[in-house]
């Protein structure tokens, strides 16, 4: 397993993961636009054959990282890929002097919540009926990486 920054040519592999991972996947054009956003930072997980099997991204706004996506292809879930992505991304944030990280996670996604808690994320609030597909609430979670002052 290897974790690295995205590069030109990764879009098709990322899109395959997107389609596999989400009930409401982003379109290819939306994904392309996101990856070209100057605030976006993304990493991928690839297997020993170079196949993209997961990815994670965030918007870096001043000293905060707002996580936009954590995705693992359904065939590779339960193998520690999400753990590796999150660990690698936290390292990336530390190197880039990010002070805090935030994200939204479905209230029903206990597996993801437990992963975030493992890495020190705490509950910061709730966004009622946040998800369009089923009006599920989103939990807002935060992690402080370093003191702001």
N, C-alpha and C. Protein backbone atom coordinates (compact mmCIF):
# COMPACT_ATOMS: atom_id res chain seq x y z
N UNK A 1 0.84 -1.18 0.00
CA UNK A 1 0.00 0.00 0.00
C UNK A 1 0.88 1.23 0.00
N UNK A 2 0.52 2.17 -0.83
CA UNK A 2 1.27 3.42 -0.91
C UNK A 2 0.29 4.58 -0.88
N UNK A 3 0.65 5.63 -0.15
CA UNK A 3 -0.14 6.86 -0.06
C UNK A 3 0.71 7.98 -0.66
N UNK A 4 0.09 8.77 -1.53
CA UNK A 4 0.84 9.85 -2.18
C UNK A 4 -0.12 10.97 -2.59
N UNK A 5 0.47 12.13 -2.90
CA UNK A 5 -0.32 13.24 -3.44
C UNK A 5 -0.85 12.85 -4.81
N UNK A 6 -1.99 13.42 -5.17
CA UNK A 6 -2.54 13.15 -6.51
C UNK A 6 -1.64 13.77 -7.56
N UNK A 7 -1.76 13.25 -8.75
CA UNK A 7 -1.02 13.81 -9.89
C UNK A 7 -1.91 13.75 -11.12
N UNK A 8 -1.50 14.43 -12.15
CA UNK A 8 -2.24 14.40 -13.42
C UNK A 8 -2.38 12.95 -13.85
N UNK A 9 -3.55 12.59 -14.31
CA UNK A 9 -3.79 11.22 -14.75
C UNK A 9 -4.48 10.35 -13.72
N UNK A 10 -4.65 10.85 -12.48
CA UNK A 10 -5.30 10.06 -11.43
C UNK A 10 -6.82 10.16 -11.47
N UNK A 11 -7.38 11.08 -12.24
CA UNK A 11 -8.81 11.38 -12.19
C UNK A 11 -9.69 10.17 -12.46
N UNK A 12 -9.34 9.33 -13.44
CA UNK A 12 -10.19 8.18 -13.75
C UNK A 12 -10.22 7.18 -12.59
N UNK A 13 -9.09 6.94 -11.98
CA UNK A 13 -9.04 6.03 -10.83
C UNK A 13 -9.79 6.58 -9.64
N UNK A 14 -9.67 7.88 -9.41
CA UNK A 14 -10.39 8.52 -8.32
C UNK A 14 -11.90 8.45 -8.57
N UNK A 15 -12.29 8.65 -9.81
CA UNK A 15 -13.72 8.60 -10.14
C UNK A 15 -14.29 7.20 -9.93
N UNK A 16 -13.53 6.16 -10.23
CA UNK A 16 -14.00 4.78 -9.97
C UNK A 16 -14.25 4.57 -8.49
N UNK A 17 -13.34 5.08 -7.66
CA UNK A 17 -13.53 4.99 -6.21
C UNK A 17 -14.77 5.78 -5.80
N UNK A 18 -14.93 6.97 -6.34
CA UNK A 18 -16.08 7.83 -6.04
C UNK A 18 -17.39 7.09 -6.32
N UNK A 19 -17.48 6.46 -7.48
CA UNK A 19 -18.71 5.74 -7.86
C UNK A 19 -18.97 4.56 -6.93
N UNK A 20 -17.92 3.91 -6.50
CA UNK A 20 -18.05 2.75 -5.62
C UNK A 20 -18.41 3.13 -4.19
N UNK A 21 -17.93 4.29 -3.75
CA UNK A 21 -17.98 4.64 -2.33
C UNK A 21 -19.22 5.40 -1.88
N UNK A 22 -19.86 6.13 -2.79
CA UNK A 22 -20.91 7.05 -2.35
C UNK A 22 -22.26 6.78 -3.01
N UNK A 23 -23.33 6.94 -2.22
CA UNK A 23 -24.68 6.79 -2.76
C UNK A 23 -25.04 7.97 -3.66
N UNK A 24 -24.42 9.11 -3.42
CA UNK A 24 -24.59 10.30 -4.27
C UNK A 24 -23.22 10.78 -4.72
N UNK A 25 -22.60 10.08 -5.68
CA UNK A 25 -21.25 10.46 -6.09
C UNK A 25 -21.23 11.78 -6.85
N UNK A 26 -20.09 12.45 -6.75
CA UNK A 26 -19.87 13.65 -7.56
C UNK A 26 -19.74 13.23 -9.02
N UNK A 27 -20.15 14.10 -9.92
CA UNK A 27 -19.96 13.84 -11.35
C UNK A 27 -18.46 13.96 -11.67
N UNK A 28 -18.08 13.40 -12.80
CA UNK A 28 -16.68 13.49 -13.23
C UNK A 28 -16.26 14.94 -13.38
N UNK A 29 -17.14 15.78 -13.93
CA UNK A 29 -16.78 17.20 -14.11
C UNK A 29 -16.66 17.91 -12.76
N UNK A 30 -17.53 17.58 -11.81
CA UNK A 30 -17.43 18.18 -10.47
C UNK A 30 -16.14 17.75 -9.78
N UNK A 31 -15.79 16.49 -9.94
CA UNK A 31 -14.56 15.97 -9.35
C UNK A 31 -13.34 16.65 -9.97
N UNK A 32 -13.36 16.79 -11.27
CA UNK A 32 -12.26 17.45 -11.98
C UNK A 32 -12.11 18.90 -11.50
N UNK A 33 -13.25 19.59 -11.36
CA UNK A 33 -13.24 20.97 -10.88
C UNK A 33 -12.68 21.04 -9.46
N UNK A 34 -13.09 20.12 -8.62
CA UNK A 34 -12.61 20.07 -7.24
C UNK A 34 -11.10 19.86 -7.18
N UNK A 35 -10.61 18.93 -7.97
CA UNK A 35 -9.18 18.63 -7.95
C UNK A 35 -8.34 19.79 -8.47
N UNK A 36 -8.95 20.66 -9.28
CA UNK A 36 -8.24 21.83 -9.80
C UNK A 36 -8.41 23.08 -8.93
N UNK A 37 -9.22 22.98 -7.88
CA UNK A 37 -9.44 24.09 -6.96
C UNK A 37 -8.12 24.40 -6.24
N UNK A 38 -7.72 25.66 -6.23
CA UNK A 38 -6.44 26.02 -5.62
C UNK A 38 -6.41 25.80 -4.11
N UNK A 39 -7.57 25.67 -3.48
CA UNK A 39 -7.63 25.40 -2.04
C UNK A 39 -7.57 23.91 -1.72
N UNK A 40 -7.77 23.07 -2.72
CA UNK A 40 -7.86 21.62 -2.51
C UNK A 40 -6.50 20.96 -2.39
N UNK A 41 -6.43 20.00 -1.48
CA UNK A 41 -5.27 19.12 -1.34
C UNK A 41 -5.82 17.70 -1.27
N UNK A 42 -5.31 16.81 -2.10
CA UNK A 42 -5.78 15.42 -2.14
C UNK A 42 -4.62 14.45 -2.12
N UNK A 43 -4.86 13.31 -1.47
CA UNK A 43 -3.93 12.19 -1.53
C UNK A 43 -4.70 10.96 -1.97
N UNK A 44 -3.97 9.98 -2.47
CA UNK A 44 -4.60 8.72 -2.86
C UNK A 44 -3.90 7.56 -2.16
N UNK A 45 -4.63 6.44 -2.10
CA UNK A 45 -4.06 5.16 -1.70
C UNK A 45 -4.05 4.29 -2.94
N UNK A 46 -2.92 3.67 -3.20
CA UNK A 46 -2.86 2.77 -4.35
C UNK A 46 -2.28 1.43 -3.91
N UNK A 47 -2.76 0.37 -4.58
CA UNK A 47 -2.28 -0.97 -4.26
C UNK A 47 -0.93 -1.22 -4.91
N UNK A 48 -0.42 -2.44 -4.74
CA UNK A 48 0.91 -2.79 -5.26
C UNK A 48 0.99 -2.74 -6.78
N UNK A 49 -0.16 -2.76 -7.46
CA UNK A 49 -0.20 -2.67 -8.92
C UNK A 49 -0.42 -1.24 -9.43
N UNK A 50 -0.50 -0.29 -8.50
CA UNK A 50 -0.70 1.10 -8.88
C UNK A 50 -2.15 1.48 -9.09
N UNK A 51 -3.09 0.60 -8.71
CA UNK A 51 -4.51 0.91 -8.83
C UNK A 51 -4.94 1.80 -7.67
N UNK A 52 -5.68 2.85 -7.97
CA UNK A 52 -6.18 3.74 -6.94
C UNK A 52 -7.35 3.05 -6.24
N UNK A 53 -7.23 2.89 -4.92
CA UNK A 53 -8.27 2.19 -4.16
C UNK A 53 -8.89 3.07 -3.08
N UNK A 54 -8.38 4.28 -2.93
CA UNK A 54 -8.95 5.22 -1.98
C UNK A 54 -8.37 6.60 -2.19
N UNK A 55 -9.06 7.58 -1.65
CA UNK A 55 -8.54 8.95 -1.71
C UNK A 55 -9.15 9.79 -0.61
N UNK A 56 -8.49 10.89 -0.34
CA UNK A 56 -8.95 11.81 0.70
C UNK A 56 -8.55 13.21 0.29
N UNK A 57 -9.43 14.17 0.61
CA UNK A 57 -9.11 15.54 0.28
C UNK A 57 -9.71 16.54 1.24
N UNK A 58 -9.18 17.74 1.18
CA UNK A 58 -9.66 18.83 2.03
C UNK A 58 -9.38 20.15 1.35
N UNK A 59 -10.08 21.17 1.82
CA UNK A 59 -9.78 22.54 1.43
C UNK A 59 -8.89 23.11 2.53
N UNK A 60 -7.76 23.66 2.14
CA UNK A 60 -6.87 24.33 3.09
C UNK A 60 -7.19 25.82 3.02
N UNK A 61 -7.85 26.30 4.07
CA UNK A 61 -8.26 27.70 4.15
C UNK A 61 -7.52 28.33 5.32
N UNK A 62 -6.56 29.15 4.99
CA UNK A 62 -5.66 29.79 5.95
C UNK A 62 -4.95 28.69 6.76
N UNK A 63 -5.37 28.46 8.02
CA UNK A 63 -4.70 27.44 8.84
C UNK A 63 -5.65 26.29 9.21
N UNK A 64 -6.72 26.14 8.45
CA UNK A 64 -7.71 25.10 8.73
C UNK A 64 -7.89 24.19 7.52
N UNK A 65 -8.03 22.90 7.78
CA UNK A 65 -8.33 21.93 6.72
C UNK A 65 -9.77 21.46 6.89
N UNK A 66 -10.60 21.73 5.89
CA UNK A 66 -11.98 21.24 5.89
C UNK A 66 -12.02 20.00 5.00
N UNK A 67 -12.12 18.84 5.62
CA UNK A 67 -12.11 17.58 4.88
C UNK A 67 -13.38 17.48 4.05
N UNK A 68 -13.21 17.28 2.76
CA UNK A 68 -14.34 17.19 1.84
C UNK A 68 -14.67 15.76 1.46
N UNK A 69 -13.68 14.90 1.42
CA UNK A 69 -13.90 13.51 1.00
C UNK A 69 -12.91 12.57 1.67
N UNK A 70 -13.41 11.43 2.10
CA UNK A 70 -12.61 10.27 2.46
C UNK A 70 -13.33 9.11 1.81
N UNK A 71 -12.68 8.44 0.88
CA UNK A 71 -13.35 7.38 0.13
C UNK A 71 -12.43 6.19 -0.06
N UNK A 72 -12.99 5.00 0.17
CA UNK A 72 -12.29 3.75 -0.08
C UNK A 72 -13.19 2.90 -0.96
N UNK A 73 -12.62 2.34 -2.01
CA UNK A 73 -13.38 1.46 -2.91
C UNK A 73 -14.02 0.35 -2.08
N UNK A 74 -15.27 0.03 -2.38
CA UNK A 74 -16.02 -0.94 -1.57
C UNK A 74 -15.32 -2.29 -1.46
N UNK A 75 -14.55 -2.68 -2.46
CA UNK A 75 -13.86 -3.98 -2.43
C UNK A 75 -12.67 -3.99 -1.47
N UNK A 76 -12.28 -2.83 -0.97
CA UNK A 76 -11.10 -2.73 -0.11
C UNK A 76 -11.42 -2.22 1.29
N UNK A 77 -12.69 -2.16 1.63
CA UNK A 77 -13.07 -1.68 2.96
C UNK A 77 -12.71 -2.70 4.03
N UNK A 78 -12.45 -2.21 5.22
CA UNK A 78 -12.12 -3.08 6.34
C UNK A 78 -10.67 -3.55 6.32
N UNK A 79 -9.85 -2.94 5.48
CA UNK A 79 -8.45 -3.35 5.35
C UNK A 79 -7.48 -2.29 5.87
N UNK A 80 -8.00 -1.26 6.53
CA UNK A 80 -7.15 -0.22 7.09
C UNK A 80 -6.77 0.89 6.13
N UNK A 81 -7.41 0.92 4.95
CA UNK A 81 -7.08 1.94 3.95
C UNK A 81 -7.48 3.34 4.46
N UNK A 82 -8.68 3.45 5.00
CA UNK A 82 -9.14 4.73 5.54
C UNK A 82 -8.23 5.22 6.66
N UNK A 83 -7.80 4.31 7.51
CA UNK A 83 -6.88 4.64 8.59
C UNK A 83 -5.57 5.20 8.02
N UNK A 84 -5.04 4.53 7.00
CA UNK A 84 -3.80 4.99 6.37
C UNK A 84 -3.95 6.34 5.69
N UNK A 85 -5.09 6.54 5.03
CA UNK A 85 -5.35 7.83 4.40
C UNK A 85 -5.39 8.95 5.43
N UNK A 86 -6.14 8.72 6.51
CA UNK A 86 -6.29 9.76 7.53
C UNK A 86 -4.95 10.06 8.21
N UNK A 87 -4.21 9.03 8.55
CA UNK A 87 -2.90 9.21 9.16
C UNK A 87 -1.96 9.99 8.25
N UNK A 88 -1.92 9.62 6.98
CA UNK A 88 -1.07 10.31 6.00
C UNK A 88 -1.50 11.76 5.81
N UNK A 89 -2.82 11.98 5.82
CA UNK A 89 -3.32 13.34 5.61
C UNK A 89 -3.03 14.24 6.81
N UNK A 90 -3.12 13.68 8.01
CA UNK A 90 -2.78 14.46 9.21
C UNK A 90 -1.31 14.88 9.14
N UNK A 91 -0.44 13.97 8.72
CA UNK A 91 0.98 14.32 8.54
C UNK A 91 1.14 15.47 7.54
N UNK A 92 0.40 15.38 6.43
CA UNK A 92 0.44 16.43 5.41
C UNK A 92 0.02 17.78 6.01
N UNK A 93 -1.05 17.76 6.80
CA UNK A 93 -1.53 18.98 7.45
C UNK A 93 -0.49 19.56 8.40
N UNK A 94 0.16 18.70 9.15
CA UNK A 94 1.19 19.17 10.08
C UNK A 94 2.34 19.84 9.32
N UNK A 95 2.75 19.24 8.22
CA UNK A 95 3.85 19.81 7.42
C UNK A 95 3.46 21.16 6.82
N UNK A 96 2.18 21.33 6.52
CA UNK A 96 1.72 22.58 5.90
C UNK A 96 1.20 23.58 6.93
N UNK A 97 1.52 23.34 8.21
CA UNK A 97 1.22 24.29 9.30
C UNK A 97 -0.27 24.51 9.52
N UNK A 98 -1.07 23.49 9.26
CA UNK A 98 -2.51 23.56 9.53
C UNK A 98 -2.71 23.43 11.05
N UNK A 99 -3.59 24.26 11.61
CA UNK A 99 -3.85 24.26 13.05
C UNK A 99 -5.01 23.36 13.46
N UNK A 100 -6.03 23.26 12.58
CA UNK A 100 -7.20 22.44 12.94
C UNK A 100 -7.79 21.80 11.69
N UNK A 101 -8.52 20.72 11.93
CA UNK A 101 -9.20 19.99 10.85
C UNK A 101 -10.66 19.84 11.24
N UNK A 102 -11.54 19.88 10.25
CA UNK A 102 -12.96 19.69 10.50
C UNK A 102 -13.56 18.86 9.37
N UNK A 103 -14.70 18.25 9.65
CA UNK A 103 -15.39 17.42 8.66
C UNK A 103 -16.84 17.23 9.07
N UNK A 104 -17.64 16.76 8.11
CA UNK A 104 -18.99 16.31 8.40
C UNK A 104 -19.04 14.82 8.11
N UNK A 105 -19.75 14.08 8.96
CA UNK A 105 -19.90 12.64 8.77
C UNK A 105 -21.36 12.27 9.06
N UNK A 106 -21.88 11.32 8.29
CA UNK A 106 -23.26 10.89 8.52
C UNK A 106 -23.43 10.37 9.95
N UNK A 107 -24.55 10.72 10.55
CA UNK A 107 -24.84 10.26 11.91
C UNK A 107 -24.86 8.74 12.00
N UNK A 108 -25.21 8.07 10.90
CA UNK A 108 -25.28 6.61 10.90
C UNK A 108 -23.94 5.93 10.61
N UNK A 109 -22.92 6.69 10.22
CA UNK A 109 -21.64 6.10 9.83
C UNK A 109 -20.73 5.95 11.05
N UNK A 110 -21.05 4.95 11.85
CA UNK A 110 -20.33 4.71 13.10
C UNK A 110 -18.88 4.31 12.85
N UNK A 111 -18.63 3.53 11.79
CA UNK A 111 -17.27 3.10 11.47
C UNK A 111 -16.38 4.33 11.24
N UNK A 112 -16.85 5.27 10.42
CA UNK A 112 -16.07 6.48 10.15
C UNK A 112 -15.91 7.32 11.42
N UNK A 113 -16.98 7.46 12.19
CA UNK A 113 -16.90 8.24 13.42
C UNK A 113 -15.84 7.67 14.36
N UNK A 114 -15.81 6.35 14.48
CA UNK A 114 -14.82 5.71 15.35
C UNK A 114 -13.39 5.93 14.85
N UNK A 115 -13.21 5.91 13.53
CA UNK A 115 -11.89 6.20 12.96
C UNK A 115 -11.47 7.63 13.31
N UNK A 116 -12.37 8.58 13.12
CA UNK A 116 -12.04 9.97 13.42
C UNK A 116 -11.73 10.15 14.91
N UNK A 117 -12.52 9.51 15.77
CA UNK A 117 -12.26 9.59 17.21
C UNK A 117 -10.89 9.02 17.56
N UNK A 118 -10.52 7.93 16.90
CA UNK A 118 -9.20 7.30 17.12
C UNK A 118 -8.08 8.31 16.90
N UNK A 119 -8.28 9.22 15.95
CA UNK A 119 -7.27 10.22 15.64
C UNK A 119 -7.50 11.56 16.33
N UNK A 120 -8.38 11.56 17.34
CA UNK A 120 -8.54 12.75 18.16
C UNK A 120 -9.60 13.75 17.74
N UNK A 121 -10.43 13.39 16.76
CA UNK A 121 -11.53 14.27 16.38
C UNK A 121 -12.61 14.19 17.46
N UNK A 122 -13.23 15.33 17.75
CA UNK A 122 -14.31 15.38 18.73
C UNK A 122 -15.54 16.01 18.10
N UNK A 123 -16.69 15.68 18.66
CA UNK A 123 -17.96 16.23 18.16
C UNK A 123 -18.03 17.72 18.44
N UNK A 124 -18.37 18.49 17.40
CA UNK A 124 -18.46 19.94 17.56
C UNK A 124 -19.84 20.50 17.29
N UNK A 125 -20.73 19.67 16.70
CA UNK A 125 -22.07 20.15 16.40
C UNK A 125 -22.79 19.19 15.46
N UNK A 126 -24.02 19.56 15.12
CA UNK A 126 -24.85 18.74 14.23
C UNK A 126 -25.45 19.63 13.16
N UNK A 127 -25.42 19.17 11.93
CA UNK A 127 -26.13 19.84 10.83
C UNK A 127 -27.37 19.00 10.55
N UNK A 128 -28.53 19.53 10.88
CA UNK A 128 -29.79 18.81 10.72
C UNK A 128 -30.12 18.60 9.24
N UNK A 129 -30.56 17.41 8.91
CA UNK A 129 -31.02 17.05 7.55
C UNK A 129 -30.03 17.51 6.48
N UNK A 130 -28.77 17.26 6.72
CA UNK A 130 -27.68 17.74 5.85
C UNK A 130 -27.61 17.01 4.52
N UNK A 131 -27.84 15.72 4.53
CA UNK A 131 -27.66 14.91 3.32
C UNK A 131 -28.95 14.87 2.50
N UNK A 132 -28.83 15.16 1.21
CA UNK A 132 -29.99 15.26 0.32
C UNK A 132 -30.69 13.94 0.08
N UNK A 133 -29.95 12.84 0.03
CA UNK A 133 -30.56 11.56 -0.36
C UNK A 133 -31.57 11.05 0.66
N UNK A 134 -31.34 11.29 1.95
CA UNK A 134 -32.27 10.77 2.96
C UNK A 134 -32.51 11.73 4.12
N UNK A 135 -32.03 12.97 3.98
CA UNK A 135 -32.22 14.01 5.01
C UNK A 135 -31.56 13.64 6.34
N UNK A 136 -30.55 12.81 6.27
CA UNK A 136 -29.84 12.40 7.48
C UNK A 136 -29.02 13.57 8.04
N UNK A 137 -28.89 13.59 9.36
CA UNK A 137 -28.07 14.60 10.02
C UNK A 137 -26.59 14.32 9.77
N UNK A 138 -25.81 15.38 9.79
CA UNK A 138 -24.35 15.26 9.73
C UNK A 138 -23.79 15.68 11.09
N UNK A 139 -22.83 14.93 11.56
CA UNK A 139 -22.10 15.33 12.76
C UNK A 139 -20.88 16.13 12.31
N UNK A 140 -20.65 17.25 12.96
CA UNK A 140 -19.47 18.06 12.68
C UNK A 140 -18.41 17.65 13.69
N UNK A 141 -17.25 17.26 13.19
CA UNK A 141 -16.16 16.85 14.07
C UNK A 141 -14.95 17.74 13.81
N UNK A 142 -14.18 17.96 14.88
CA UNK A 142 -13.00 18.83 14.83
C UNK A 142 -11.80 18.13 15.44
N UNK A 143 -10.64 18.50 14.96
CA UNK A 143 -9.38 18.06 15.56
C UNK A 143 -8.44 19.26 15.61
N UNK A 144 -7.91 19.53 16.77
CA UNK A 144 -6.91 20.59 16.94
C UNK A 144 -5.54 19.96 16.73
N UNK A 145 -4.77 20.48 15.79
CA UNK A 145 -3.43 19.96 15.52
C UNK A 145 -2.36 20.72 16.29
N UNK A 146 -2.56 22.01 16.45
CA UNK A 146 -1.61 22.85 17.17
C UNK A 146 -2.35 24.08 17.68
N UNK A 147 -1.76 24.73 18.63
CA UNK A 147 -2.36 25.95 19.17
C UNK A 147 -2.30 27.06 18.13
N UNK A 148 -3.36 27.84 18.06
CA UNK A 148 -3.44 28.94 17.11
C UNK A 148 -2.54 30.09 17.57
N UNK A 149 -2.47 30.32 18.86
CA UNK A 149 -1.67 31.45 19.39
C UNK A 149 -0.37 30.96 19.97
